[in-house]
């Protein structure tokens, strides 16, 4: 890393110029795609939560039986 503040300024300008160029390349999803993706994530997380909850409950019951 350079210790010259002038170099920092030049590097920062170059960096933000590159960021601006890259932002122009971004294609954002449509509202419909965003909603569909969000719903998919919520459904998958809900299913995993239920499966892990049932598995945890079954292990709890098993451990209670083994330890008593």
PDB file of N, CA and C in Angstrom:
ATOM      1  N   UNK A   1       0.846  -1.180   0.000  1.00  0.00           N
ATOM      2  CA  UNK A   1       0.000   0.000   0.000  1.00  0.00           C
ATOM      3  C   UNK A   1       0.888   1.238   0.000  1.00  0.00           C
ATOM      4  N   UNK A   2       0.517   2.151  -0.820  1.00  0.00           N
ATOM      5  CA  UNK A   2       1.309   3.374  -0.960  1.00  0.00           C
ATOM      6  C   UNK A   2       1.065   4.312   0.221  1.00  0.00           C
ATOM      7  N   UNK A   3       2.095   5.071   0.562  1.00  0.00           N
ATOM      8  CA  UNK A   3       1.948   6.048   1.637  1.00  0.00           C
ATOM      9  C   UNK A   3       1.727   7.451   1.084  1.00  0.00           C
ATOM     10  N   UNK A   4       1.588   7.563  -0.215  1.00  0.00           N
ATOM     11  CA  UNK A   4       1.402   8.860  -0.868  1.00  0.00           C
ATOM     12  C   UNK A   4      -0.094   9.170  -0.993  1.00  0.00           C
ATOM     13  N   UNK A   5      -0.578  10.223  -0.330  1.00  0.00           N
ATOM     14  CA  UNK A   5      -2.006  10.557  -0.391  1.00  0.00           C
ATOM     15  C   UNK A   5      -2.488  10.869  -1.804  1.00  0.00           C
ATOM     16  N   UNK A   6      -1.637  11.387  -2.660  1.00  0.00           N
ATOM     17  CA  UNK A   6      -2.039  11.671  -4.041  1.00  0.00           C
ATOM     18  C   UNK A   6      -2.344  10.356  -4.752  1.00  0.00           C
ATOM     19  N   UNK A   7      -1.545   9.334  -4.506  1.00  0.00           N
ATOM     20  CA  UNK A   7      -1.767   8.014  -5.097  1.00  0.00           C
ATOM     21  C   UNK A   7      -3.076   7.417  -4.595  1.00  0.00           C
ATOM     22  N   UNK A   8      -3.371   7.638  -3.308  1.00  0.00           N
ATOM     23  CA  UNK A   8      -4.636   7.146  -2.754  1.00  0.00           C
ATOM     24  C   UNK A   8      -5.810   7.734  -3.526  1.00  0.00           C
ATOM     25  N   UNK A   9      -5.748   9.042  -3.781  1.00  0.00           N
ATOM     26  CA  UNK A   9      -6.828   9.726  -4.493  1.00  0.00           C
ATOM     27  C   UNK A   9      -6.981   9.158  -5.899  1.00  0.00           C
ATOM     28  N   UNK A  10      -5.854   8.963  -6.586  1.00  0.00           N
ATOM     29  CA  UNK A  10      -5.909   8.400  -7.934  1.00  0.00           C
ATOM     30  C   UNK A  10      -6.482   6.986  -7.916  1.00  0.00           C
ATOM     31  N   UNK A  11      -6.051   6.192  -6.948  1.00  0.00           N
ATOM     32  CA  UNK A  11      -6.557   4.821  -6.824  1.00  0.00           C
ATOM     33  C   UNK A  11      -8.048   4.809  -6.517  1.00  0.00           C
ATOM     34  N   UNK A  12      -8.487   5.714  -5.652  1.00  0.00           N
ATOM     35  CA  UNK A  12      -9.906   5.787  -5.303  1.00  0.00           C
ATOM     36  C   UNK A  12     -10.742   6.173  -6.515  1.00  0.00           C
ATOM     37  N   UNK A  13     -10.270   7.144  -7.289  1.00  0.00           N
ATOM     38  CA  UNK A  13     -11.002   7.546  -8.498  1.00  0.00           C
ATOM     39  C   UNK A  13     -11.096   6.390  -9.483  1.00  0.00           C
ATOM     40  N   UNK A  14      -9.997   5.672  -9.652  1.00  0.00           N
ATOM     41  CA  UNK A  14     -10.002   4.525 -10.564  1.00  0.00           C
ATOM     42  C   UNK A  14     -10.960   3.451 -10.071  1.00  0.00           C
ATOM     43  N   UNK A  15     -10.922   3.187  -8.756  1.00  0.00           N
ATOM     44  CA  UNK A  15     -11.802   2.176  -8.175  1.00  0.00           C
ATOM     45  C   UNK A  15     -13.266   2.523  -8.390  1.00  0.00           C
ATOM     46  N   UNK A  16     -13.649   3.774  -8.067  1.00  0.00           N
ATOM     47  CA  UNK A  16     -15.050   4.156  -8.203  1.00  0.00           C
ATOM     48  C   UNK A  16     -15.472   4.236  -9.666  1.00  0.00           C
ATOM     49  N   UNK A  17     -14.548   4.538 -10.551  1.00  0.00           N
ATOM     50  CA  UNK A  17     -14.843   4.490 -11.976  1.00  0.00           C
ATOM     51  C   UNK A  17     -15.134   3.059 -12.415  1.00  0.00           C
ATOM     52  N   UNK A  18     -14.323   2.114 -11.923  1.00  0.00           N
ATOM     53  CA  UNK A  18     -14.560   0.700 -12.222  1.00  0.00           C
ATOM     54  C   UNK A  18     -15.892   0.222 -11.652  1.00  0.00           C
ATOM     55  N   UNK A  19     -16.216   0.681 -10.449  1.00  0.00           N
ATOM     56  CA  UNK A  19     -17.497   0.309  -9.835  1.00  0.00           C
ATOM     57  C   UNK A  19     -18.652   0.800 -10.700  1.00  0.00           C
ATOM     58  N   UNK A  20     -18.559   2.021 -11.197  1.00  0.00           N
ATOM     59  CA  UNK A  20     -19.612   2.583 -12.040  1.00  0.00           C
ATOM     60  C   UNK A  20     -19.771   1.758 -13.319  1.00  0.00           C
ATOM     61  N   UNK A  21     -18.674   1.355 -13.929  1.00  0.00           N
ATOM     62  CA  UNK A  21     -18.732   0.525 -15.135  1.00  0.00           C
ATOM     63  C   UNK A  21     -19.394  -0.807 -14.836  1.00  0.00           C
ATOM     64  N   UNK A  22     -19.036  -1.422 -13.716  1.00  0.00           N
ATOM     65  CA  UNK A  22     -19.613  -2.720 -13.360  1.00  0.00           C
ATOM     66  C   UNK A  22     -21.101  -2.603 -13.045  1.00  0.00           C
ATOM     67  N   UNK A  23     -21.523  -1.511 -12.408  1.00  0.00           N
ATOM     68  CA  UNK A  23     -22.942  -1.324 -12.104  1.00  0.00           C
ATOM     69  C   UNK A  23     -23.775  -1.238 -13.374  1.00  0.00           C
ATOM     70  N   UNK A  24     -23.193  -0.718 -14.439  1.00  0.00           N
ATOM     71  CA  UNK A  24     -23.926  -0.638 -15.705  1.00  0.00           C
ATOM     72  C   UNK A  24     -24.130  -2.010 -16.318  1.00  0.00           C
ATOM     73  N   UNK A  25     -23.324  -2.993 -15.925  1.00  0.00           N
ATOM     74  CA  UNK A  25     -23.445  -4.358 -16.437  1.00  0.00           C
ATOM     75  C   UNK A  25     -24.485  -5.187 -15.677  1.00  0.00           C
ATOM     76  N   UNK A  26     -24.907  -4.716 -14.520  1.00  0.00           N
ATOM     77  CA  UNK A  26     -25.823  -5.480 -13.672  1.00  0.00           C
ATOM     78  C   UNK A  26     -27.211  -5.527 -14.296  1.00  0.00           C
ATOM     79  N   UNK A  27     -27.791  -6.717 -14.305  1.00  0.00           N
ATOM     80  CA  UNK A  27     -29.187  -6.854 -14.712  1.00  0.00           C
ATOM     81  C   UNK A  27     -29.984  -7.239 -13.469  1.00  0.00           C
ATOM     82  N   UNK A  28     -30.886  -6.370 -13.078  1.00  0.00           N
ATOM     83  CA  UNK A  28     -31.658  -6.594 -11.868  1.00  0.00           C
ATOM     84  C   UNK A  28     -32.860  -7.464 -12.186  1.00  0.00           C
ATOM     85  N   UNK A  29     -33.280  -8.325 -11.261  1.00  0.00           N
ATOM     86  CA  UNK A  29     -34.456  -9.168 -11.512  1.00  0.00           C
ATOM     87  C   UNK A  29     -35.728  -8.326 -11.523  1.00  0.00           C
ATOM     88  N   UNK A  30     -36.721  -8.848 -12.217  1.00  0.00           N
ATOM     89  CA  UNK A  30     -38.011  -8.166 -12.244  1.00  0.00           C
ATOM     90  C   UNK A  30     -38.703  -8.360 -10.895  1.00  0.00           C
ATOM     91  N   UNK A  31     -39.779  -7.609 -10.686  1.00  0.00           N
ATOM     92  CA  UNK A  31     -40.524  -7.746  -9.431  1.00  0.00           C
ATOM     93  C   UNK A  31     -41.095  -9.161  -9.312  1.00  0.00           C
ATOM     94  N   UNK A  32     -41.555  -9.704 -10.431  1.00  0.00           N
ATOM     95  CA  UNK A  32     -42.129 -11.055 -10.426  1.00  0.00           C
ATOM     96  C   UNK A  32     -41.070 -12.085 -10.021  1.00  0.00           C
ATOM     97  N   UNK A  33     -39.856 -11.962 -10.556  1.00  0.00           N
ATOM     98  CA  UNK A  33     -38.778 -12.880 -10.209  1.00  0.00           C
ATOM     99  C   UNK A  33     -38.382 -12.741  -8.740  1.00  0.00           C
ATOM    100  N   UNK A  34     -38.360 -11.519  -8.251  1.00  0.00           N
ATOM    101  CA  UNK A  34     -37.999 -11.279  -6.858  1.00  0.00           C
ATOM    102  C   UNK A  34     -39.015 -11.897  -5.910  1.00  0.00           C
ATOM    103  N   UNK A  35     -40.292 -11.722  -6.219  1.00  0.00           N
ATOM    104  CA  UNK A  35     -41.356 -12.290  -5.379  1.00  0.00           C
ATOM    105  C   UNK A  35     -41.287 -13.809  -5.409  1.00  0.00           C
ATOM    106  N   UNK A  36     -41.103 -14.390  -6.610  1.00  0.00           N
ATOM    107  CA  UNK A  36     -41.026 -15.849  -6.725  1.00  0.00           C
ATOM    108  C   UNK A  36     -39.831 -16.392  -5.947  1.00  0.00           C
ATOM    109  N   UNK A  37     -38.699 -15.727  -6.043  1.00  0.00           N
ATOM    110  CA  UNK A  37     -37.521 -16.160  -5.304  1.00  0.00           C
ATOM    111  C   UNK A  37     -37.716 -16.078  -3.803  1.00  0.00           C
ATOM    112  N   UNK A  38     -38.347 -15.002  -3.359  1.00  0.00           N
ATOM    113  CA  UNK A  38     -38.595 -14.821  -1.925  1.00  0.00           C
ATOM    114  C   UNK A  38     -39.534 -15.892  -1.397  1.00  0.00           C
ATOM    115  N   UNK A  39     -40.596 -16.167  -2.140  1.00  0.00           N
ATOM    116  CA  UNK A  39     -41.547 -17.207  -1.725  1.00  0.00           C
ATOM    117  C   UNK A  39     -40.854 -18.560  -1.672  1.00  0.00           C
ATOM    118  N   UNK A  40     -40.012 -18.854  -2.669  1.00  0.00           N
ATOM    119  CA  UNK A  40     -39.282 -20.124  -2.684  1.00  0.00           C
ATOM    120  C   UNK A  40     -38.406 -20.266  -1.448  1.00  0.00           C
ATOM    121  N   UNK A  41     -37.699 -19.221  -1.099  1.00  0.00           N
ATOM    122  CA  UNK A  41     -36.812 -19.263   0.064  1.00  0.00           C
ATOM    123  C   UNK A  41     -37.623 -19.478   1.340  1.00  0.00           C
ATOM    124  N   UNK A  42     -38.731 -18.771   1.486  1.00  0.00           N
ATOM    125  CA  UNK A  42     -39.556 -18.911   2.690  1.00  0.00           C
ATOM    126  C   UNK A  42     -40.105 -20.339   2.800  1.00  0.00           C
ATOM    127  N   UNK A  43     -40.561 -20.905   1.687  1.00  0.00           N
ATOM    128  CA  UNK A  43     -41.104 -22.266   1.705  1.00  0.00           C
ATOM    129  C   UNK A  43     -40.013 -23.276   2.062  1.00  0.00           C
ATOM    130  N   UNK A  44     -38.848 -23.167   1.434  1.00  0.00           N
ATOM    131  CA  UNK A  44     -37.764 -24.114   1.708  1.00  0.00           C
ATOM    132  C   UNK A  44     -37.296 -24.010   3.163  1.00  0.00           C
ATOM    133  N   UNK A  45     -37.151 -22.794   3.657  1.00  0.00           N
ATOM    134  CA  UNK A  45     -36.729 -22.613   5.052  1.00  0.00           C
ATOM    135  C   UNK A  45     -37.789 -23.178   6.000  1.00  0.00           C
ATOM    136  N   UNK A  46     -39.064 -22.993   5.684  1.00  0.00           N
ATOM    137  CA  UNK A  46     -40.138 -23.537   6.524  1.00  0.00           C
ATOM    138  C   UNK A  46     -40.095 -25.060   6.553  1.00  0.00           C
ATOM    139  N   UNK A  47     -39.887 -25.675   5.395  1.00  0.00           N
ATOM    140  CA  UNK A  47     -39.817 -27.139   5.331  1.00  0.00           C
ATOM    141  C   UNK A  47     -38.625 -27.647   6.134  1.00  0.00           C
ATOM    142  N   UNK A  48     -37.479 -27.035   5.962  1.00  0.00           N
ATOM    143  CA  UNK A  48     -36.292 -27.460   6.709  1.00  0.00           C
ATOM    144  C   UNK A  48     -36.501 -27.279   8.205  1.00  0.00           C
ATOM    145  N   UNK A  49     -37.153 -26.187   8.589  1.00  0.00           N
ATOM    146  CA  UNK A  49     -37.436 -25.938  10.006  1.00  0.00           C
ATOM    147  C   UNK A  49     -38.310 -27.034  10.593  1.00  0.00           C
ATOM    148  N   UNK A  50     -39.357 -27.419   9.873  1.00  0.00           N
ATOM    149  CA  UNK A  50     -40.260 -28.473  10.363  1.00  0.00           C
ATOM    150  C   UNK A  50     -39.514 -29.800  10.462  1.00  0.00           C
ATOM    151  N   UNK A  51     -38.746 -30.144   9.432  1.00  0.00           N
ATOM    152  CA  UNK A  51     -38.009 -31.414   9.444  1.00  0.00           C
ATOM    153  C   UNK A  51     -37.029 -31.450  10.610  1.00  0.00           C
ATOM    154  N   UNK A  52     -36.257 -30.387  10.801  1.00  0.00           N
ATOM    155  CA  UNK A  52     -35.308 -30.358  11.910  1.00  0.00           C
ATOM    156  C   UNK A  52     -36.012 -30.359  13.264  1.00  0.00           C
ATOM    157  N   UNK A  53     -37.170 -29.687  13.345  1.00  0.00           N
ATOM    158  CA  UNK A  53     -37.933 -29.686  14.597  1.00  0.00           C
ATOM    159  C   UNK A  53     -38.435 -31.080  14.946  1.00  0.00           C
ATOM    160  N   UNK A  54     -38.947 -31.800  13.945  1.00  0.00           N
ATOM    161  CA  UNK A  54     -39.422 -33.173  14.185  1.00  0.00           C
ATOM    162  C   UNK A  54     -38.252 -34.075  14.571  1.00  0.00           C
ATOM    163  N   UNK A  55     -37.140 -33.935  13.865  1.00  0.00           N
ATOM    164  CA  UNK A  55     -35.951 -34.730  14.175  1.00  0.00           C
ATOM    165  C   UNK A  55     -35.473 -34.448  15.596  1.00  0.00           C
ATOM    166  N   UNK A  56     -35.449 -33.204  16.002  1.00  0.00           N
ATOM    167  CA  UNK A  56     -35.037 -32.822  17.346  1.00  0.00           C
ATOM    168  C   UNK A  56     -35.990 -33.397  18.389  1.00  0.00           C
ATOM    169  N   UNK A  57     -37.278 -33.312  18.103  1.00  0.00           N
ATOM    170  CA  UNK A  57     -38.276 -33.857  19.028  1.00  0.00           C
ATOM    171  C   UNK A  57     -38.105 -35.366  19.177  1.00  0.00           C
ATOM    172  N   UNK A  58     -37.883 -36.068  18.051  1.00  0.00           N
ATOM    173  CA  UNK A  58     -37.709 -37.522  18.114  1.00  0.00           C
ATOM    174  C   UNK A  58     -36.460 -37.886  18.907  1.00  0.00           C
ATOM    175  N   UNK A  59     -35.377 -37.153  18.710  1.00  0.00           N
ATOM    176  CA  UNK A  59     -34.162 -37.416  19.487  1.00  0.00           C
ATOM    177  C   UNK A  59     -34.382 -37.131  20.970  1.00  0.00           C
ATOM    178  N   UNK A  60     -35.157 -36.101  21.272  1.00  0.00           N
ATOM    179  CA  UNK A  60     -35.456 -35.773  22.655  1.00  0.00           C
ATOM    180  C   UNK A  60     -36.248 -36.902  23.326  1.00  0.00           C
ATOM    181  N   UNK A  61     -37.236 -37.406  22.622  1.00  0.00           N
ATOM    182  CA  UNK A  61     -38.033 -38.516  23.158  1.00  0.00           C
ATOM    183  C   UNK A  61     -37.152 -39.742  23.332  1.00  0.00           C
ATOM    184  N   UNK A  62     -36.308 -40.035  22.336  1.00  0.00           N
ATOM    185  CA  UNK A  62     -35.416 -41.196  22.424  1.00  0.00           C
ATOM    186  C   UNK A  62     -34.462 -41.063  23.603  1.00  0.00           C
ATOM    187  N   UNK A  63     -33.860 -39.907  23.773  1.00  0.00           N
ATOM    188  CA  UNK A  63     -32.928 -39.710  24.884  1.00  0.00           C
ATOM    189  C   UNK A  63     -33.634 -39.809  26.228  1.00  0.00           C
ATOM    190  N   UNK A  64     -34.865 -39.320  26.310  1.00  0.00           N
ATOM    191  CA  UNK A  64     -35.634 -39.428  27.554  1.00  0.00           C
ATOM    192  C   UNK A  64     -35.878 -40.908  27.896  1.00  0.00           C
ATOM    193  N   UNK A  65     -36.192 -41.702  26.867  1.00  0.00           N
ATOM    194  CA  UNK A  65     -36.430 -43.133  27.083  1.00  0.00           C
ATOM    195  C   UNK A  65     -35.151 -43.851  27.490  1.00  0.00           C
ATOM    196  N   UNK A  66     -34.045 -43.492  26.865  1.00  0.00           N
ATOM    197  CA  UNK A  66     -32.778 -44.160  27.146  1.00  0.00           C
ATOM    198  C   UNK A  66     -32.296 -43.807  28.547  1.00  0.00           C
ATOM    199  N   UNK A  67     -32.449 -42.562  28.952  1.00  0.00           N
ATOM    200  CA  UNK A  67     -31.917 -42.125  30.237  1.00  0.00           C
ATOM    201  C   UNK A  67     -32.836 -42.419  31.424  1.00  0.00           C
ATOM    202  N   UNK A  68     -34.051 -42.861  31.171  1.00  0.00           N
ATOM    203  CA  UNK A  68     -34.942 -43.140  32.315  1.00  0.00           C
ATOM    204  C   UNK A  68     -35.066 -44.604  32.606  1.00  0.00           C
TER     205      UNK A  68
END
